[in-house]
Amino acid sequence: MRDNLFTRRELEVASCLKELTIQETADKLKIRRSTVDSYLSRMRDKITVARNTSNIAANWLDSGRNPRLAKLLRRQG
């Protein structure tokens, strides 16, 4: 399993978009504007999934609602 949610190329596109327009990013990375749009769409989808996952995890770790599951999910140190 990857440590990072995004691929190297997605991170590169995001880094460029911090200061450049979509078209300038496409030109700099020598890709089409539609490819940049595709990267953005995939990144949005990954962010949505990550948010939903973290909400589920927060719910599971709530010892008031799920004491047994929360206890089992805590790291034993």
PDB file of N, CA and C in Angstrom:
ATOM      1  N   MET A   1       0.835  -1.186   0.000  1.00  0.00           N
ATOM      2  CA  MET A   1       0.000   0.000   0.000  1.00  0.00           C
ATOM      3  C   MET A   1       0.875   1.242   0.000  1.00  0.00           C
ATOM      4  N   ARG A   2       0.469   2.228  -0.778  1.00  0.00           N
ATOM      5  CA  ARG A   2       1.245   3.461  -0.871  1.00  0.00           C
ATOM      6  C   ARG A   2       1.082   4.296   0.386  1.00  0.00           C
ATOM      7  N   ASP A   3       2.139   5.018   0.726  1.00  0.00           N
ATOM      8  CA  ASP A   3       2.078   5.924   1.865  1.00  0.00           C
ATOM      9  C   ASP A   3       1.331   7.205   1.502  1.00  0.00           C
ATOM     10  N   ASN A   4       1.356   7.538   0.209  1.00  0.00           N
ATOM     11  CA  ASN A   4       0.794   8.793  -0.226  1.00  0.00           C
ATOM     12  C   ASN A   4      -0.504   8.554  -0.980  1.00  0.00           C
ATOM     13  N   LEU A   5      -1.452   9.448  -0.800  1.00  0.00           N
ATOM     14  CA  LEU A   5      -2.740   9.342  -1.470  1.00  0.00           C
ATOM     15  C   LEU A   5      -2.609   9.618  -2.966  1.00  0.00           C
ATOM     16  N   PHE A   6      -1.676  10.484  -3.338  1.00  0.00           N
ATOM     17  CA  PHE A   6      -1.531  10.919  -4.720  1.00  0.00           C
ATOM     18  C   PHE A   6      -0.278  10.337  -5.365  1.00  0.00           C
ATOM     19  N   THR A   7      -0.341  10.196  -6.698  1.00  0.00           N
ATOM     20  CA  THR A   7       0.824   9.733  -7.443  1.00  0.00           C
ATOM     21  C   THR A   7       1.841  10.865  -7.548  1.00  0.00           C
ATOM     22  N   ARG A   8       3.046  10.509  -7.956  1.00  0.00           N
ATOM     23  CA  ARG A   8       4.094  11.514  -8.122  1.00  0.00           C
ATOM     24  C   ARG A   8       3.664  12.565  -9.141  1.00  0.00           C
ATOM     25  N   ARG A   9       3.050  12.126 -10.232  1.00  0.00           N
ATOM     26  CA  ARG A   9       2.630  13.051 -11.290  1.00  0.00           C
ATOM     27  C   ARG A   9       1.509  13.973 -10.803  1.00  0.00           C
ATOM     28  N   GLU A  10       0.574  13.445 -10.026  1.00  0.00           N
ATOM     29  CA  GLU A  10      -0.486  14.291  -9.481  1.00  0.00           C
ATOM     30  C   GLU A  10       0.087  15.354  -8.557  1.00  0.00           C
ATOM     31  N   LEU A  11       1.068  14.977  -7.757  1.00  0.00           N
ATOM     32  CA  LEU A  11       1.717  15.955  -6.881  1.00  0.00           C
ATOM     33  C   LEU A  11       2.457  17.011  -7.691  1.00  0.00           C
ATOM     34  N   GLU A  12       3.059  16.600  -8.787  1.00  0.00           N
ATOM     35  CA  GLU A  12       3.772  17.529  -9.660  1.00  0.00           C
ATOM     36  C   GLU A  12       2.789  18.528 -10.288  1.00  0.00           C
ATOM     37  N   VAL A  13       1.663  18.032 -10.752  1.00  0.00           N
ATOM     38  CA  VAL A  13       0.635  18.905 -11.324  1.00  0.00           C
ATOM     39  C   VAL A  13       0.123  19.876 -10.264  1.00  0.00           C
ATOM     40  N   ALA A  14      -0.168  19.382  -9.074  1.00  0.00           N
ATOM     41  CA  ALA A  14      -0.668  20.236  -7.992  1.00  0.00           C
ATOM     42  C   ALA A  14       0.351  21.310  -7.634  1.00  0.00           C
ATOM     43  N   SER A  15       1.608  20.940  -7.609  1.00  0.00           N
ATOM     44  CA  SER A  15       2.661  21.895  -7.288  1.00  0.00           C
ATOM     45  C   SER A  15       2.713  23.019  -8.324  1.00  0.00           C
ATOM     46  N   CYS A  16       2.606  22.663  -9.583  1.00  0.00           N
ATOM     47  CA  CYS A  16       2.607  23.676 -10.647  1.00  0.00           C
ATOM     48  C   CYS A  16       1.377  24.568 -10.565  1.00  0.00           C
ATOM     49  N   LEU A  17       0.236  23.978 -10.251  1.00  0.00           N
ATOM     50  CA  LEU A  17      -1.011  24.745 -10.220  1.00  0.00           C
ATOM     51  C   LEU A  17      -1.068  25.743  -9.070  1.00  0.00           C
ATOM     52  N   LYS A  18      -0.171  25.616  -8.112  1.00  0.00           N
ATOM     53  CA  LYS A  18      -0.142  26.585  -7.018  1.00  0.00           C
ATOM     54  C   LYS A  18       0.207  27.975  -7.527  1.00  0.00           C
ATOM     55  N   GLU A  19       0.961  28.049  -8.630  1.00  0.00           N
ATOM     56  CA  GLU A  19       1.408  29.347  -9.127  1.00  0.00           C
ATOM     57  C   GLU A  19       1.080  29.595 -10.591  1.00  0.00           C
ATOM     58  N   LEU A  20       0.691  28.556 -11.323  1.00  0.00           N
ATOM     59  CA  LEU A  20       0.437  28.694 -12.752  1.00  0.00           C
ATOM     60  C   LEU A  20      -1.019  28.387 -13.073  1.00  0.00           C
ATOM     61  N   THR A  21      -1.471  28.865 -14.234  1.00  0.00           N
ATOM     62  CA  THR A  21      -2.813  28.519 -14.687  1.00  0.00           C
ATOM     63  C   THR A  21      -2.798  27.078 -15.204  1.00  0.00           C
ATOM     64  N   ILE A  22      -3.981  26.559 -15.523  1.00  0.00           N
ATOM     65  CA  ILE A  22      -4.072  25.196 -16.042  1.00  0.00           C
ATOM     66  C   ILE A  22      -3.307  25.087 -17.365  1.00  0.00           C
ATOM     67  N   GLN A  23      -3.491  26.062 -18.247  1.00  0.00           N
ATOM     68  CA  GLN A  23      -2.814  26.010 -19.537  1.00  0.00           C
ATOM     69  C   GLN A  23      -1.296  26.139 -19.376  1.00  0.00           C
ATOM     70  N   GLU A  24      -0.842  27.024 -18.497  1.00  0.00           N
ATOM     71  CA  GLU A  24       0.599  27.176 -18.259  1.00  0.00           C
ATOM     72  C   GLU A  24       1.195  25.887 -17.678  1.00  0.00           C
ATOM     73  N   THR A  25       0.444  25.246 -16.806  1.00  0.00           N
ATOM     74  CA  THR A  25       0.886  23.965 -16.235  1.00  0.00           C
ATOM     75  C   THR A  25       1.009  22.913 -17.324  1.00  0.00           C
ATOM     76  N   ALA A  26       0.026  22.848 -18.183  1.00  0.00           N
ATOM     77  CA  ALA A  26       0.056  21.889 -19.284  1.00  0.00           C
ATOM     78  C   ALA A  26       1.269  22.136 -20.177  1.00  0.00           C
ATOM     79  N   ASP A  27       1.517  23.392 -20.485  1.00  0.00           N
ATOM     80  CA  ASP A  27       2.671  23.731 -21.330  1.00  0.00           C
ATOM     81  C   ASP A  27       3.983  23.365 -20.646  1.00  0.00           C
ATOM     82  N   LYS A  28       4.091  23.684 -19.372  1.00  0.00           N
ATOM     83  CA  LYS A  28       5.329  23.405 -18.635  1.00  0.00           C
ATOM     84  C   LYS A  28       5.606  21.901 -18.557  1.00  0.00           C
ATOM     85  N   LEU A  29       4.569  21.102 -18.315  1.00  0.00           N
ATOM     86  CA  LEU A  29       4.735  19.655 -18.163  1.00  0.00           C
ATOM     87  C   LEU A  29       4.642  18.904 -19.491  1.00  0.00           C
ATOM     88  N   LYS A  30       4.423  19.681 -20.573  1.00  0.00           N
ATOM     89  CA  LYS A  30       4.334  19.106 -21.930  1.00  0.00           C
ATOM     90  C   LYS A  30       3.227  18.054 -22.033  1.00  0.00           C
ATOM     91  N   ILE A  31       2.050  18.433 -21.504  1.00  0.00           N
ATOM     92  CA  ILE A  31       0.861  17.595 -21.600  1.00  0.00           C
ATOM     93  C   ILE A  31      -0.289  18.474 -22.076  1.00  0.00           C
ATOM     94  N   ARG A  32      -1.396  17.863 -22.441  1.00  0.00           N
ATOM     95  CA  ARG A  32      -2.567  18.617 -22.889  1.00  0.00           C
ATOM     96  C   ARG A  32      -3.317  19.188 -21.702  1.00  0.00           C
ATOM     97  N   ARG A  33      -4.053  20.248 -21.986  1.00  0.00           N
ATOM     98  CA  ARG A  33      -4.883  20.844 -20.935  1.00  0.00           C
ATOM     99  C   ARG A  33      -5.906  19.828 -20.426  1.00  0.00           C
ATOM    100  N   SER A  34      -6.448  19.014 -21.317  1.00  0.00           N
ATOM    101  CA  SER A  34      -7.443  18.014 -20.901  1.00  0.00           C
ATOM    102  C   SER A  34      -6.825  16.988 -19.947  1.00  0.00           C
ATOM    103  N   THR A  35      -5.537  16.737 -20.091  1.00  0.00           N
ATOM    104  CA  THR A  35      -4.860  15.811 -19.180  1.00  0.00           C
ATOM    105  C   THR A  35      -4.769  16.419 -17.783  1.00  0.00           C
ATOM    106  N   VAL A  36      -4.480  17.714 -17.722  1.00  0.00           N
ATOM    107  CA  VAL A  36      -4.446  18.400 -16.423  1.00  0.00           C
ATOM    108  C   VAL A  36      -5.837  18.341 -15.790  1.00  0.00           C
ATOM    109  N   ASP A  37      -6.873  18.566 -16.602  1.00  0.00           N
ATOM    110  CA  ASP A  37      -8.246  18.477 -16.087  1.00  0.00           C
ATOM    111  C   ASP A  37      -8.543  17.072 -15.544  1.00  0.00           C
ATOM    112  N   SER A  38      -8.042  16.051 -16.231  1.00  0.00           N
ATOM    113  CA  SER A  38      -8.238  14.675 -15.779  1.00  0.00           C
ATOM    114  C   SER A  38      -7.539  14.429 -14.442  1.00  0.00           C
ATOM    115  N   TYR A  39      -6.308  14.945 -14.315  1.00  0.00           N
ATOM    116  CA  TYR A  39      -5.591  14.816 -13.042  1.00  0.00           C
ATOM    117  C   TYR A  39      -6.388  15.497 -11.926  1.00  0.00           C
ATOM    118  N   LEU A  40      -6.901  16.677 -12.198  1.00  0.00           N
ATOM    119  CA  LEU A  40      -7.677  17.394 -11.183  1.00  0.00           C
ATOM    120  C   LEU A  40      -8.923  16.612 -10.781  1.00  0.00           C
ATOM    121  N   SER A  41      -9.587  16.025 -11.754  1.00  0.00           N
ATOM    122  CA  SER A  41     -10.781  15.240 -11.460  1.00  0.00           C
ATOM    123  C   SER A  41     -10.449  14.041 -10.571  1.00  0.00           C
ATOM    124  N   ARG A  42      -9.387  13.318 -10.923  1.00  0.00           N
ATOM    125  CA  ARG A  42      -8.980  12.168 -10.102  1.00  0.00           C
ATOM    126  C   ARG A  42      -8.577  12.600  -8.699  1.00  0.00           C
ATOM    127  N   MET A  43      -7.890  13.741  -8.605  1.00  0.00           N
ATOM    128  CA  MET A  43      -7.470  14.230  -7.284  1.00  0.00           C
ATOM    129  C   MET A  43      -8.693  14.600  -6.444  1.00  0.00           C
ATOM    130  N   ARG A  44      -9.688  15.234  -7.065  1.00  0.00           N
ATOM    131  CA  ARG A  44     -10.925  15.563  -6.338  1.00  0.00           C
ATOM    132  C   ARG A  44     -11.597  14.296  -5.822  1.00  0.00           C
ATOM    133  N   ASP A  45     -11.651  13.269  -6.675  1.00  0.00           N
ATOM    134  CA  ASP A  45     -12.264  12.003  -6.261  1.00  0.00           C
ATOM    135  C   ASP A  45     -11.517  11.383  -5.082  1.00  0.00           C
ATOM    136  N   LYS A  46     -10.194  11.401  -5.135  1.00  0.00           N
ATOM    137  CA  LYS A  46      -9.392  10.835  -4.044  1.00  0.00           C
ATOM    138  C   LYS A  46      -9.595  11.607  -2.749  1.00  0.00           C
ATOM    139  N   ILE A  47      -9.714  12.930  -2.851  1.00  0.00           N
ATOM    140  CA  ILE A  47      -9.942  13.755  -1.659  1.00  0.00           C
ATOM    141  C   ILE A  47     -11.307  13.423  -1.056  1.00  0.00           C
ATOM    142  N   THR A  48     -12.317  13.258  -1.901  1.00  0.00           N
ATOM    143  CA  THR A  48     -13.660  12.911  -1.412  1.00  0.00           C
ATOM    144  C   THR A  48     -13.644  11.573  -0.692  1.00  0.00           C
ATOM    145  N   VAL A  49     -12.989  10.581  -1.284  1.00  0.00           N
ATOM    146  CA  VAL A  49     -12.907   9.257  -0.653  1.00  0.00           C
ATOM    147  C   VAL A  49     -12.151   9.345   0.670  1.00  0.00           C
ATOM    148  N   ALA A  50     -11.057  10.095   0.690  1.00  0.00           N
ATOM    149  CA  ALA A  50     -10.265  10.232   1.921  1.00  0.00           C
ATOM    150  C   ALA A  50     -11.075  10.904   3.024  1.00  0.00           C
ATOM    151  N   ARG A  51     -11.848  11.906   2.664  1.00  0.00           N
ATOM    152  CA  ARG A  51     -12.694  12.582   3.663  1.00  0.00           C
ATOM    153  C   ARG A  51     -13.710  11.614   4.248  1.00  0.00           C
ATOM    154  N   ASN A  52     -14.348  10.841   3.375  1.00  0.00           N
ATOM    155  CA  ASN A  52     -15.337   9.871   3.854  1.00  0.00           C
ATOM    156  C   ASN A  52     -14.682   8.829   4.748  1.00  0.00           C
ATOM    157  N   THR A  53     -13.501   8.379   4.365  1.00  0.00           N
ATOM    158  CA  THR A  53     -12.783   7.389   5.157  1.00  0.00           C
ATOM    159  C   THR A  53     -12.415   7.948   6.520  1.00  0.00           C
ATOM    160  N   SER A  54     -11.930   9.192   6.546  1.00  0.00           N
ATOM    161  CA  SER A  54     -11.534   9.767   7.832  1.00  0.00           C
ATOM    162  C   SER A  54     -12.745   9.997   8.720  1.00  0.00           C
ATOM    163  N   ASN A  55     -13.910  10.304   8.118  1.00  0.00           N
ATOM    164  CA  ASN A  55     -15.125  10.459   8.918  1.00  0.00           C
ATOM    165  C   ASN A  55     -15.538   9.129   9.540  1.00  0.00           C
ATOM    166  N   ILE A  56     -15.430   8.059   8.768  1.00  0.00           N
ATOM    167  CA  ILE A  56     -15.751   6.733   9.295  1.00  0.00           C
ATOM    168  C   ILE A  56     -14.773   6.373  10.411  1.00  0.00           C
ATOM    169  N   ALA A  57     -13.492   6.642  10.188  1.00  0.00           N
ATOM    170  CA  ALA A  57     -12.478   6.330  11.193  1.00  0.00           C
ATOM    171  C   ALA A  57     -12.714   7.121  12.478  1.00  0.00           C
ATOM    172  N   ALA A  58     -13.057   8.387  12.353  1.00  0.00           N
ATOM    173  CA  ALA A  58     -13.331   9.202  13.541  1.00  0.00           C
ATOM    174  C   ALA A  58     -14.514   8.631  14.315  1.00  0.00           C
ATOM    175  N   ASN A  59     -15.516   8.172  13.599  1.00  0.00           N
ATOM    176  CA  ASN A  59     -16.684   7.568  14.233  1.00  0.00           C
ATOM    177  C   ASN A  59     -16.291   6.278  14.948  1.00  0.00           C
ATOM    178  N   TRP A  60     -15.484   5.455  14.302  1.00  0.00           N
ATOM    179  CA  TRP A  60     -15.054   4.198  14.915  1.00  0.00           C
ATOM    180  C   TRP A  60     -14.230   4.444  16.172  1.00  0.00           C
ATOM    181  N   LEU A  61     -13.411   5.502  16.167  1.00  0.00           N
ATOM    182  CA  LEU A  61     -12.523   5.772  17.295  1.00  0.00           C
ATOM    183  C   LEU A  61     -13.219   6.516  18.438  1.00  0.00           C
ATOM    184  N   ASP A  62     -14.487   6.882  18.254  1.00  0.00           N
ATOM    185  CA  ASP A  62     -15.242   7.569  19.297  1.00  0.00           C
ATOM    186  C   ASP A  62     -15.618   6.563  20.377  1.00  0.00           C
ATOM    187  N   SER A  63     -14.933   6.650  21.524  1.00  0.00           N
ATOM    188  CA  SER A  63     -15.156   5.657  22.577  1.00  0.00           C
ATOM    189  C   SER A  63     -16.536   5.793  23.220  1.00  0.00           C
ATOM    190  N   GLY A  64     -17.195   6.927  23.053  1.00  0.00           N
ATOM    191  CA  GLY A  64     -18.546   7.086  23.573  1.00  0.00           C
ATOM    192  C   GLY A  64     -19.559   6.271  22.782  1.00  0.00           C
ATOM    193  N   ARG A  65     -19.380   6.218  21.478  1.00  0.00           N
ATOM    194  CA  ARG A  65     -20.318   5.498  20.609  1.00  0.00           C
ATOM    195  C   ARG A  65     -19.937   4.036  20.424  1.00  0.00           C
ATOM    196  N   ASN A  66     -18.646   3.784  20.313  1.00  0.00           N
ATOM    197  CA  ASN A  66     -18.160   2.435  20.004  1.00  0.00           C
ATOM    198  C   ASN A  66     -17.021   2.046  20.945  1.00  0.00           C
ATOM    199  N   PRO A  67     -17.302   1.850  22.223  1.00  0.00           N
ATOM    200  CA  PRO A  67     -16.213   1.630  23.175  1.00  0.00           C
ATOM    201  C   PRO A  67     -15.360   0.390  22.880  1.00  0.00           C
ATOM    202  N   ARG A  68     -15.986  -0.697  22.495  1.00  0.00           N
ATOM    203  CA  ARG A  68     -15.207  -1.924  22.241  1.00  0.00           C
ATOM    204  C   ARG A  68     -14.335  -1.775  21.003  1.00  0.00           C
ATOM    205  N   LEU A  69     -14.913  -1.243  19.916  1.00  0.00           N
ATOM    206  CA  LEU A  69     -14.155  -1.072  18.683  1.00  0.00           C
ATOM    207  C   LEU A  69     -13.049  -0.035  18.868  1.00  0.00           C
ATOM    208  N   ALA A  70     -13.357   1.054  19.555  1.00  0.00           N
ATOM    209  CA  ALA A  70     -12.348   2.092  19.788  1.00  0.00           C
ATOM    210  C   ALA A  70     -11.167   1.523  20.572  1.00  0.00           C
ATOM    211  N   LYS A  71     -11.463   0.703  21.567  1.00  0.00           N
ATOM    212  CA  LYS A  71     -10.396   0.098  22.367  1.00  0.00           C
ATOM    213  C   LYS A  71      -9.530  -0.817  21.505  1.00  0.00           C
ATOM    214  N   LEU A  72     -10.154  -1.600  20.639  1.00  0.00           N
ATOM    215  CA  LEU A  72      -9.407  -2.509  19.793  1.00  0.00           C
ATOM    216  C   LEU A  72      -8.571  -1.786  18.731  1.00  0.00           C
ATOM    217  N   LEU A  73      -9.032  -0.619  18.309  1.00  0.00           N
ATOM    218  CA  LEU A  73      -8.320   0.125  17.282  1.00  0.00           C
ATOM    219  C   LEU A  73      -7.196   1.000  17.839  1.00  0.00           C
ATOM    220  N   ARG A  74      -7.191   1.247  19.134  1.00  0.00           N
ATOM    221  CA  ARG A  74      -6.102   2.049  19.729  1.00  0.00           C
ATOM    222  C   ARG A  74      -4.818   1.240  19.740  1.00  0.00           C
ATOM    223  N   ARG A  75      -3.723   1.922  19.509  1.00  0.00           N
ATOM    224  CA  ARG A  75      -2.425   1.263  19.560  1.00  0.00           C
ATOM    225  C   ARG A  75      -2.105   0.884  20.993  1.00  0.00           C
ATOM    226  N   GLN A  76      -1.634  -0.345  21.165  1.00  0.00           N
ATOM    227  CA  GLN A  76      -1.249  -0.803  22.498  1.00  0.00           C
ATOM    228  C   GLN A  76       0.222  -0.509  22.664  1.00  0.00           C
ATOM    229  N   GLY A  77       0.567   0.360  23.585  1.00  0.00           N
ATOM    230  CA  GLY A  77       1.963   0.795  23.685  1.00  0.00           C
ATOM    231  C   GLY A  77       2.663   0.405  24.903  1.00  0.00           C
TER     232      GLY A  77
END
